Amino acid sequence: MASAQELRKFRANLADELHSAAIYETLAQVERDESRKQVFSELAASERMHARVWADKLKAHGRTAPSGFNAKTYLMKGLVHLLGPRFVLPSLAAAEFADRNKYAGNPDTARMSEDEHEHANVVQAMANAGKPAAAQGADIAQAESWHRGVTSGNDLRAAVLGANDGLVSNFCLIMGVAGAGTGNKAILLTALAGLIAGACSMALGEWLSVTNARELAQAQVSKEANELEHSPESEEHELALIYKAKGLSADEAKRVASQLMQDKDKALDALVREELGLDPAELGGNPWSAAGVSFCLFAIGAIFPAMPFLWSSGMPAIVQCIGFSVLALAAIGVFTSLFNGRSAGFSAVRQVLVGLAAAAFTFGVGRVLGVATS
């Protein structure tokens, strides 16, 4: 008879597999490219097979398999329909990568463990589709590393965290000013000023960050191009060493390097990607679009605690401000559950508690300062 802990594990594994299957089925429905649609359908079928394994285990021990989906599943499905597959694939790829070893070390789940590794590879490749691939010889596999794909370019994560910054900072600012006992007009002006100032600060910071990263990358690429022009033998040797380190024989590595050197553009592309770890087509992204997105995301989060003061005042406005902020914090917590591995309920409660604690602290500081300066 399975222990209570094992039964909980069976249920958790079943829920994870049903979640993945539902997401892949939704992706297959939305995807327009027939080949990608077919891949998503096959992934969904595989996850359904895994789910049956855990459902059968529960049934064998006299337990009923849970039905229905959790909030995280419905949220992700909604995002797929609203924003399309390419927006959610980086988060999905990161989740698959994090879970690729969850069945490892158990002979009973060896086949499923192999499937999970394959799923992780497939989803990551699809998330990277459309990006310029690393220059390759005829026998070279993709050079894009796992960790690079998983930790970068996650638009969903960046959007959630950007909105969270605006929400928490303006909520705390408003509570601090309210704690000092100021009037409604002063609180409203402070809230709007905090929204605009914070959004501008975030946008400027993002612009500077991306611009500096881009300028540094351009300088590195220029230096690599200069070395390729004046020391081609040395650069060819570097390419050979790179491909040898990837597992090719010495002769094959030399052949691939020599083939790449026949086209200086391809050779430079390979050196930039492999030696510098940069994508020549992006070089850090567009600073203006990054700044604009950062401004909008911060403003979206910051507007929630400020809204009640547009139509109310006094204690009712403060109560509404707290209510709006709690709802927004809970929503952000649910969104963060898409990429932190926690349940939607746990993430929402944690987000609300942390946000309220920060707001209570600033309210208390405002009250002390208000009394001291009155």
Protein backbone atom coordinates (compact mmCIF):
# COMPACT_ATOMS: atom_id res chain seq x y z
CA MET A 1 0.00 0.00 0.00
CA ALA A 2 1.37 3.39 -0.96
CA SER A 3 2.05 5.87 1.83
CA ALA A 4 0.25 9.19 2.16
CA GLN A 5 3.36 10.94 0.86
CA GLU A 6 3.50 8.70 -2.22
CA LEU A 7 -0.18 9.29 -2.92
CA ARG A 8 0.38 13.05 -2.75
CA LYS A 9 3.25 12.64 -5.18
CA PHE A 10 1.04 10.63 -7.56
CA ARG A 11 -1.60 13.38 -7.45
CA ALA A 12 0.99 16.11 -7.99
CA ASN A 13 2.51 14.28 -10.97
CA LEU A 14 -0.95 13.68 -12.43
CA ALA A 15 -1.84 17.36 -12.06
CA ASP A 16 1.44 18.41 -13.72
CA GLU A 17 0.91 16.07 -16.67
CA LEU A 18 -2.71 17.14 -17.15
CA HIS A 19 -1.63 20.78 -17.01
CA SER A 20 1.05 20.24 -19.65
CA ALA A 21 -1.30 18.25 -21.87
CA ALA A 22 -3.94 21.00 -21.70
CA ILE A 23 -1.41 23.68 -22.61
CA TYR A 24 -0.03 21.73 -25.55
CA GLU A 25 -3.56 21.02 -26.79
CA THR A 26 -4.34 24.74 -26.61
CA LEU A 27 -1.13 25.56 -28.46
CA ALA A 28 -2.08 23.07 -31.16
CA GLN A 29 -5.48 24.75 -31.52
CA VAL A 30 -4.03 28.25 -31.84
CA GLU A 31 -0.91 27.47 -33.89
CA ARG A 32 -1.33 28.18 -37.61
CA ASP A 33 1.79 26.43 -38.87
CA GLU A 34 0.81 22.83 -39.60
CA SER A 35 4.19 21.31 -38.70
CA ARG A 36 4.31 23.09 -35.34
CA LYS A 37 0.65 22.23 -34.74
CA GLN A 38 1.51 18.57 -35.24
CA VAL A 39 4.42 18.77 -32.79
CA PHE A 40 2.19 20.33 -30.12
CA SER A 41 -0.42 17.62 -30.67
CA GLU A 42 2.20 14.90 -30.27
CA LEU A 43 3.50 16.50 -27.08
CA ALA A 44 -0.04 16.67 -25.71
CA ALA A 45 -0.61 12.98 -26.50
CA SER A 46 2.61 12.05 -24.73
CA GLU A 47 1.64 14.03 -21.65
CA ARG A 48 -1.78 12.36 -21.66
CA MET A 49 -0.04 8.97 -21.63
CA HIS A 50 2.03 10.05 -18.65
CA ALA A 51 -1.11 11.26 -16.89
CA ARG A 52 -2.74 7.85 -17.35
CA VAL A 53 0.19 6.20 -15.59
CA TRP A 54 -0.38 8.30 -12.45
CA ALA A 55 -4.17 8.00 -12.68
CA ASP A 56 -3.82 4.20 -12.83
CA LYS A 57 -1.52 4.24 -9.80
CA LEU A 58 -4.09 6.20 -7.82
CA LYS A 59 -6.86 3.89 -8.97
CA ALA A 60 -4.82 0.82 -8.00
CA HIS A 61 -4.68 2.17 -4.45
CA GLY A 62 -8.39 2.92 -4.30
CA ARG A 63 -8.05 6.65 -4.89
CA THR A 64 -9.94 8.68 -7.47
CA ALA A 65 -7.98 10.84 -9.86
CA PRO A 66 -8.68 14.59 -9.51
CA SER A 67 -10.65 16.13 -12.35
CA GLY A 68 -10.55 19.63 -13.75
CA PHE A 69 -7.72 22.15 -13.96
CA ASN A 70 -6.24 24.64 -11.56
CA ALA A 71 -6.06 28.41 -11.95
CA LYS A 72 -2.57 28.20 -13.43
CA THR A 73 -3.83 26.04 -16.30
CA TYR A 74 -6.73 28.35 -17.13
CA LEU A 75 -4.44 31.38 -16.95
CA MET A 76 -1.88 29.89 -19.29
CA LYS A 77 -4.54 28.76 -21.73
CA GLY A 78 -5.99 32.27 -21.72
CA LEU A 79 -2.57 33.76 -22.43
CA VAL A 80 -2.07 31.38 -25.34
CA HIS A 81 -5.38 32.46 -26.89
CA LEU A 82 -4.80 36.14 -26.15
CA LEU A 83 -1.11 36.56 -26.99
CA GLY A 84 -0.26 33.56 -29.12
CA PRO A 85 2.14 30.62 -28.75
CA ARG A 86 5.38 32.53 -29.23
CA PHE A 87 4.76 34.74 -26.21
CA VAL A 88 4.31 31.85 -23.76
CA LEU A 89 6.84 29.40 -25.23
CA PRO A 90 9.86 30.82 -23.33
CA SER A 91 8.08 30.29 -20.01
CA LEU A 92 6.95 26.85 -21.09
CA ALA A 93 10.48 25.98 -22.20
CA ALA A 94 11.87 27.10 -18.84
CA ALA A 95 9.31 24.97 -17.00
CA GLU A 96 10.06 21.92 -19.13
CA PHE A 97 13.78 22.40 -18.57
CA ALA A 98 13.30 22.70 -14.80
CA ASP A 99 11.17 19.51 -14.72
CA ARG A 100 13.21 17.41 -17.12
CA ASN A 101 14.74 15.33 -14.30
CA LYS A 102 11.66 14.92 -12.11
CA TYR A 103 11.34 11.23 -12.99
CA ALA A 104 15.08 10.47 -13.06
CA GLY A 105 16.57 7.76 -10.85
CA ASN A 106 13.47 5.57 -10.76
CA PRO A 107 13.49 2.45 -12.99
CA ASP A 108 9.68 2.49 -13.10
CA THR A 109 9.65 5.92 -14.73
CA ALA A 110 12.75 5.60 -16.92
CA ARG A 111 10.74 5.87 -20.14
CA MET A 112 8.85 8.92 -18.91
CA SER A 113 12.15 10.51 -17.87
CA GLU A 114 13.45 10.09 -21.41
CA ASP A 115 10.24 11.63 -22.74
CA GLU A 116 10.58 14.63 -20.43
CA HIS A 117 14.12 15.29 -21.65
CA GLU A 118 12.91 15.04 -25.24
CA HIS A 119 10.01 17.40 -24.52
CA ALA A 120 12.40 19.93 -23.02
CA ASN A 121 14.60 19.82 -26.12
CA VAL A 122 11.67 20.12 -28.51
CA VAL A 123 10.01 23.02 -26.71
CA GLN A 124 13.28 24.90 -26.37
CA ALA A 125 13.96 24.47 -30.09
CA MET A 126 10.48 25.78 -30.88
CA ALA A 127 10.95 28.73 -28.51
CA ASN A 128 14.16 29.59 -30.36
CA ALA A 129 12.59 29.13 -33.80
CA GLY A 130 12.89 32.23 -35.94
CA LYS A 131 16.03 33.38 -34.18
CA PRO A 132 19.21 33.28 -36.27
CA ALA A 133 20.83 29.93 -35.67
CA ALA A 134 24.50 29.63 -34.89
CA ALA A 135 26.68 29.07 -37.96
CA GLN A 136 27.03 25.36 -38.41
CA GLY A 137 28.99 22.83 -40.41
CA ALA A 138 27.17 19.98 -42.06
CA ASP A 139 27.58 17.76 -39.02
CA ILE A 140 27.26 20.35 -36.25
CA ALA A 141 24.19 20.37 -34.04
CA GLN A 142 22.67 23.60 -32.83
CA ALA A 143 25.15 25.55 -30.75
CA GLU A 144 22.51 27.36 -28.70
CA SER A 145 23.07 26.29 -25.11
CA TRP A 146 20.23 25.26 -22.81
CA HIS A 147 20.87 27.75 -20.08
CA ARG A 148 21.12 30.63 -22.52
CA GLY A 149 17.71 29.90 -24.02
CA VAL A 150 15.98 29.33 -20.74
CA THR A 151 17.20 32.36 -18.84
CA SER A 152 16.84 34.99 -21.54
CA GLY A 153 14.05 36.50 -23.56
CA ASN A 154 11.26 35.54 -21.19
CA ASP A 155 8.73 38.26 -22.04
CA LEU A 156 6.06 36.95 -19.70
CA ARG A 157 8.33 37.00 -16.65
CA ALA A 158 9.60 40.50 -17.47
CA ALA A 159 6.05 41.80 -17.93
CA VAL A 160 4.83 40.42 -14.61
CA LEU A 161 7.81 41.71 -12.64
CA GLY A 162 7.61 45.14 -14.31
CA ALA A 163 3.96 45.54 -13.33
CA ASN A 164 4.75 44.30 -9.83
CA ASP A 165 7.40 47.01 -9.40
CA GLY A 166 4.87 49.73 -10.25
CA LEU A 167 2.15 48.29 -8.05
CA VAL A 168 4.22 47.75 -4.91
CA SER A 169 6.19 50.99 -5.10
CA ASN A 170 3.13 53.21 -5.63
CA PHE A 171 1.04 51.28 -3.08
CA CYS A 172 3.75 51.81 -0.46
CA LEU A 173 4.16 55.46 -1.44
CA ILE A 174 0.42 56.14 -1.12
CA MET A 175 0.22 54.35 2.24
CA GLY A 176 3.17 56.36 3.54
CA VAL A 177 1.58 59.65 2.57
CA ALA A 178 -1.83 58.54 3.87
CA GLY A 179 -0.23 57.54 7.16
CA ALA A 180 1.09 61.07 7.55
CA GLY A 181 -2.52 62.33 7.57
CA THR A 182 -2.40 64.41 4.39
CA GLY A 183 -5.50 65.35 2.44
CA ASN A 184 -7.02 63.55 -0.51
CA LYS A 185 -5.67 66.01 -3.07
CA ALA A 186 -2.13 65.63 -1.76
CA ILE A 187 -2.43 61.83 -1.80
CA LEU A 188 -3.76 61.84 -5.37
CA LEU A 189 -1.01 64.17 -6.59
CA THR A 190 1.58 62.02 -4.84
CA ALA A 191 0.16 58.87 -6.42
CA LEU A 192 0.19 60.32 -9.94
CA ALA A 193 3.63 61.84 -9.42
CA GLY A 194 4.89 58.48 -8.16
CA LEU A 195 3.42 56.75 -11.20
CA ILE A 196 5.00 59.15 -13.69
CA ALA A 197 8.33 59.46 -11.89
CA GLY A 198 8.66 55.74 -11.35
CA ALA A 199 7.70 54.86 -14.92
CA CYS A 200 10.16 57.43 -16.32
CA SER A 201 12.89 56.17 -14.02
CA MET A 202 12.28 52.57 -15.05
CA ALA A 203 12.22 53.50 -18.72
CA LEU A 204 15.43 55.50 -18.48
CA GLY A 205 17.14 52.74 -16.55
CA GLU A 206 16.10 50.16 -19.11
CA TRP A 207 17.20 52.39 -21.99
CA LEU A 208 20.62 52.93 -20.42
CA SER A 209 21.03 49.25 -19.60
CA VAL A 210 20.18 48.06 -23.11
CA THR A 211 22.15 50.87 -24.77
CA ASN A 212 25.28 50.16 -22.74
CA ALA A 213 24.97 46.43 -23.35
CA ARG A 214 24.47 47.02 -27.06
CA GLU A 215 27.46 49.37 -27.33
CA LEU A 216 29.67 46.90 -25.48
CA ALA A 217 28.50 44.07 -27.74
CA GLN A 218 29.13 46.16 -30.86
CA ALA A 219 32.65 46.95 -29.65
CA GLN A 220 33.33 43.26 -29.04
CA VAL A 221 32.00 42.30 -32.46
CA SER A 222 34.12 45.00 -34.13
CA LYS A 223 37.20 43.72 -32.33
CA GLU A 224 36.43 40.17 -33.42
CA ALA A 225 35.94 41.33 -37.03
CA ASN A 226 39.28 43.13 -36.93
CA GLU A 227 41.02 40.02 -35.63
CA LEU A 228 39.35 37.93 -38.31
CA GLU A 229 40.59 40.35 -40.99
CA HIS A 230 44.19 40.59 -39.78
CA SER A 231 44.74 37.18 -38.15
CA PRO A 232 42.58 34.70 -40.06
CA GLU A 233 44.83 31.72 -39.23
CA SER A 234 44.50 32.40 -35.50
CA GLU A 235 40.72 32.77 -35.72
CA GLU A 236 40.43 29.56 -37.75
CA HIS A 237 42.41 27.81 -35.03
CA GLU A 238 40.01 29.21 -32.40
CA LEU A 239 37.03 27.90 -34.34
CA ALA A 240 38.63 24.47 -34.59
CA LEU A 241 39.22 24.44 -30.83
CA ILE A 242 35.61 25.47 -30.18
CA TYR A 243 34.18 22.65 -32.27
CA LYS A 244 36.69 20.19 -30.87
CA ALA A 245 35.48 21.13 -27.38
CA LYS A 246 31.95 20.36 -28.55
CA GLY A 247 32.94 16.77 -29.19
CA LEU A 248 34.19 16.67 -32.79
CA SER A 249 37.39 14.91 -33.66
CA ALA A 250 40.41 17.10 -34.34
CA ASP A 251 40.26 16.45 -38.10
CA GLU A 252 36.51 17.11 -38.31
CA ALA A 253 36.84 20.28 -36.23
CA LYS A 254 39.55 21.56 -38.56
CA ARG A 255 37.41 20.73 -41.60
CA VAL A 256 34.39 22.62 -40.24
CA ALA A 257 36.53 25.61 -39.25
CA SER A 258 38.13 25.69 -42.68
CA GLN A 259 34.70 25.50 -44.35
CA LEU A 260 33.43 28.43 -42.26
CA MET A 261 36.51 30.55 -43.02
CA GLN A 262 35.64 30.46 -46.72
CA ASP A 263 32.83 32.90 -45.90
CA LYS A 264 34.05 35.65 -43.54
CA ASP A 265 30.49 36.67 -42.58
CA LYS A 266 29.65 33.14 -41.46
CA ALA A 267 32.97 32.84 -39.67
CA LEU A 268 32.34 36.10 -37.80
CA ASP A 269 28.81 34.98 -36.93
CA ALA A 270 30.16 31.70 -35.52
CA LEU A 271 32.92 33.41 -33.53
CA VAL A 272 30.55 36.00 -32.08
CA ARG A 273 28.06 33.34 -31.00
CA GLU A 274 30.48 30.71 -29.78
CA GLU A 275 33.30 32.80 -28.35
CA LEU A 276 31.39 35.86 -27.13
CA GLY A 277 28.01 34.27 -26.49
CA LEU A 278 26.21 37.03 -28.43
CA ASP A 279 23.49 37.04 -31.07
CA PRO A 280 24.77 39.30 -33.88
CA ALA A 281 21.22 40.04 -35.00
CA GLU A 282 20.14 41.44 -31.63
CA LEU A 283 23.20 42.61 -29.66
CA GLY A 284 21.14 43.32 -26.58
CA GLY A 285 17.87 44.40 -28.21
CA ASN A 286 16.30 47.74 -29.06
CA PRO A 287 16.74 50.28 -26.23
CA TRP A 288 13.72 52.37 -27.28
CA SER A 289 11.26 49.49 -27.35
CA ALA A 290 12.69 48.21 -24.07
CA ALA A 291 12.19 51.65 -22.50
CA GLY A 292 8.65 51.97 -23.84
CA VAL A 293 7.61 48.54 -22.59
CA SER A 294 9.18 49.20 -19.20
CA PHE A 295 7.32 52.53 -18.90
CA CYS A 296 3.96 50.99 -19.77
CA LEU A 297 4.33 47.95 -17.51
CA PHE A 298 5.31 50.05 -14.50
CA ALA A 299 2.43 52.47 -15.14
CA ILE A 300 -0.09 49.62 -15.42
CA GLY A 301 0.91 48.30 -12.02
CA ALA A 302 1.09 51.74 -10.39
CA ILE A 303 -2.38 52.85 -11.52
CA PHE A 304 -4.25 50.28 -9.38
CA PRO A 305 -3.56 51.81 -5.93
CA ALA A 306 -4.05 55.33 -7.30
CA MET A 307 -7.47 54.81 -8.91
CA PRO A 308 -9.71 55.05 -5.81
CA PHE A 309 -8.51 58.58 -5.08
CA LEU A 310 -9.95 59.72 -8.41
CA TRP A 311 -13.53 59.23 -7.17
CA SER A 312 -13.27 58.89 -3.40
CA SER A 313 -11.47 60.45 -0.45
CA GLY A 314 -10.56 59.87 3.18
CA MET A 315 -10.79 56.45 4.76
CA PRO A 316 -13.08 54.98 2.04
CA ALA A 317 -10.43 55.81 -0.57
CA ILE A 318 -7.69 54.22 1.54
CA VAL A 319 -9.77 51.06 2.05
CA GLN A 320 -10.47 50.87 -1.68
CA CYS A 321 -6.79 51.45 -2.40
CA ILE A 322 -5.91 48.49 -0.20
CA GLY A 323 -8.60 46.36 -1.83
CA PHE A 324 -7.51 47.19 -5.37
CA SER A 325 -3.90 46.57 -4.45
CA VAL A 326 -4.68 43.22 -2.82
CA LEU A 327 -6.53 42.06 -5.94
CA ALA A 328 -3.68 43.18 -8.18
CA LEU A 329 -1.08 41.56 -5.91
CA ALA A 330 -3.03 38.30 -5.96
CA ALA A 331 -3.25 38.42 -9.76
CA ILE A 332 0.49 39.01 -10.02
CA GLY A 333 1.07 36.13 -7.62
CA VAL A 334 -0.97 33.84 -9.86
CA PHE A 335 1.05 35.00 -12.87
CA THR A 336 4.34 34.34 -11.07
CA SER A 337 3.20 30.76 -10.43
CA LEU A 338 3.62 30.18 -14.16
CA PHE A 339 7.38 30.29 -13.80
CA ASN A 340 8.24 29.76 -10.11
CA GLY A 341 7.06 26.16 -9.79
CA ARG A 342 4.66 26.98 -6.91
CA SER A 343 0.89 26.62 -6.87
CA ALA A 344 -1.22 29.59 -7.90
CA GLY A 345 -2.83 29.82 -4.46
CA PHE A 346 0.47 29.80 -2.59
CA SER A 347 2.01 32.38 -4.93
CA ALA A 348 -1.02 34.68 -4.66
CA VAL A 349 -1.16 34.54 -0.85
CA ARG A 350 2.58 35.09 -0.51
CA GLN A 351 2.47 38.07 -2.87
CA VAL A 352 -0.41 39.66 -0.98
CA LEU A 353 1.21 39.17 2.43
CA VAL A 354 4.55 40.60 1.34
CA GLY A 355 2.88 43.58 -0.35
CA LEU A 356 0.68 44.31 2.67
CA ALA A 357 3.67 44.05 5.01
CA ALA A 358 5.60 46.59 2.95
CA ALA A 359 2.60 48.93 2.79
CA ALA A 360 1.99 48.62 6.55
CA PHE A 361 5.60 49.50 7.23
CA THR A 362 5.48 52.64 5.09
CA PHE A 363 2.10 53.59 6.60
CA GLY A 364 3.65 53.33 10.05
CA VAL A 365 6.68 55.40 9.03
CA GLY A 366 4.36 58.01 7.50
CA ARG A 367 2.28 58.14 10.67
CA VAL A 368 5.39 58.68 12.84
CA LEU A 369 6.77 61.35 10.54
CA GLY A 370 3.36 63.03 10.29
CA VAL A 371 3.07 63.27 14.06
CA ALA A 372 6.68 64.43 14.43
CA THR A 373 6.29 67.24 11.90
CA SER A 374 2.82 68.42 12.92
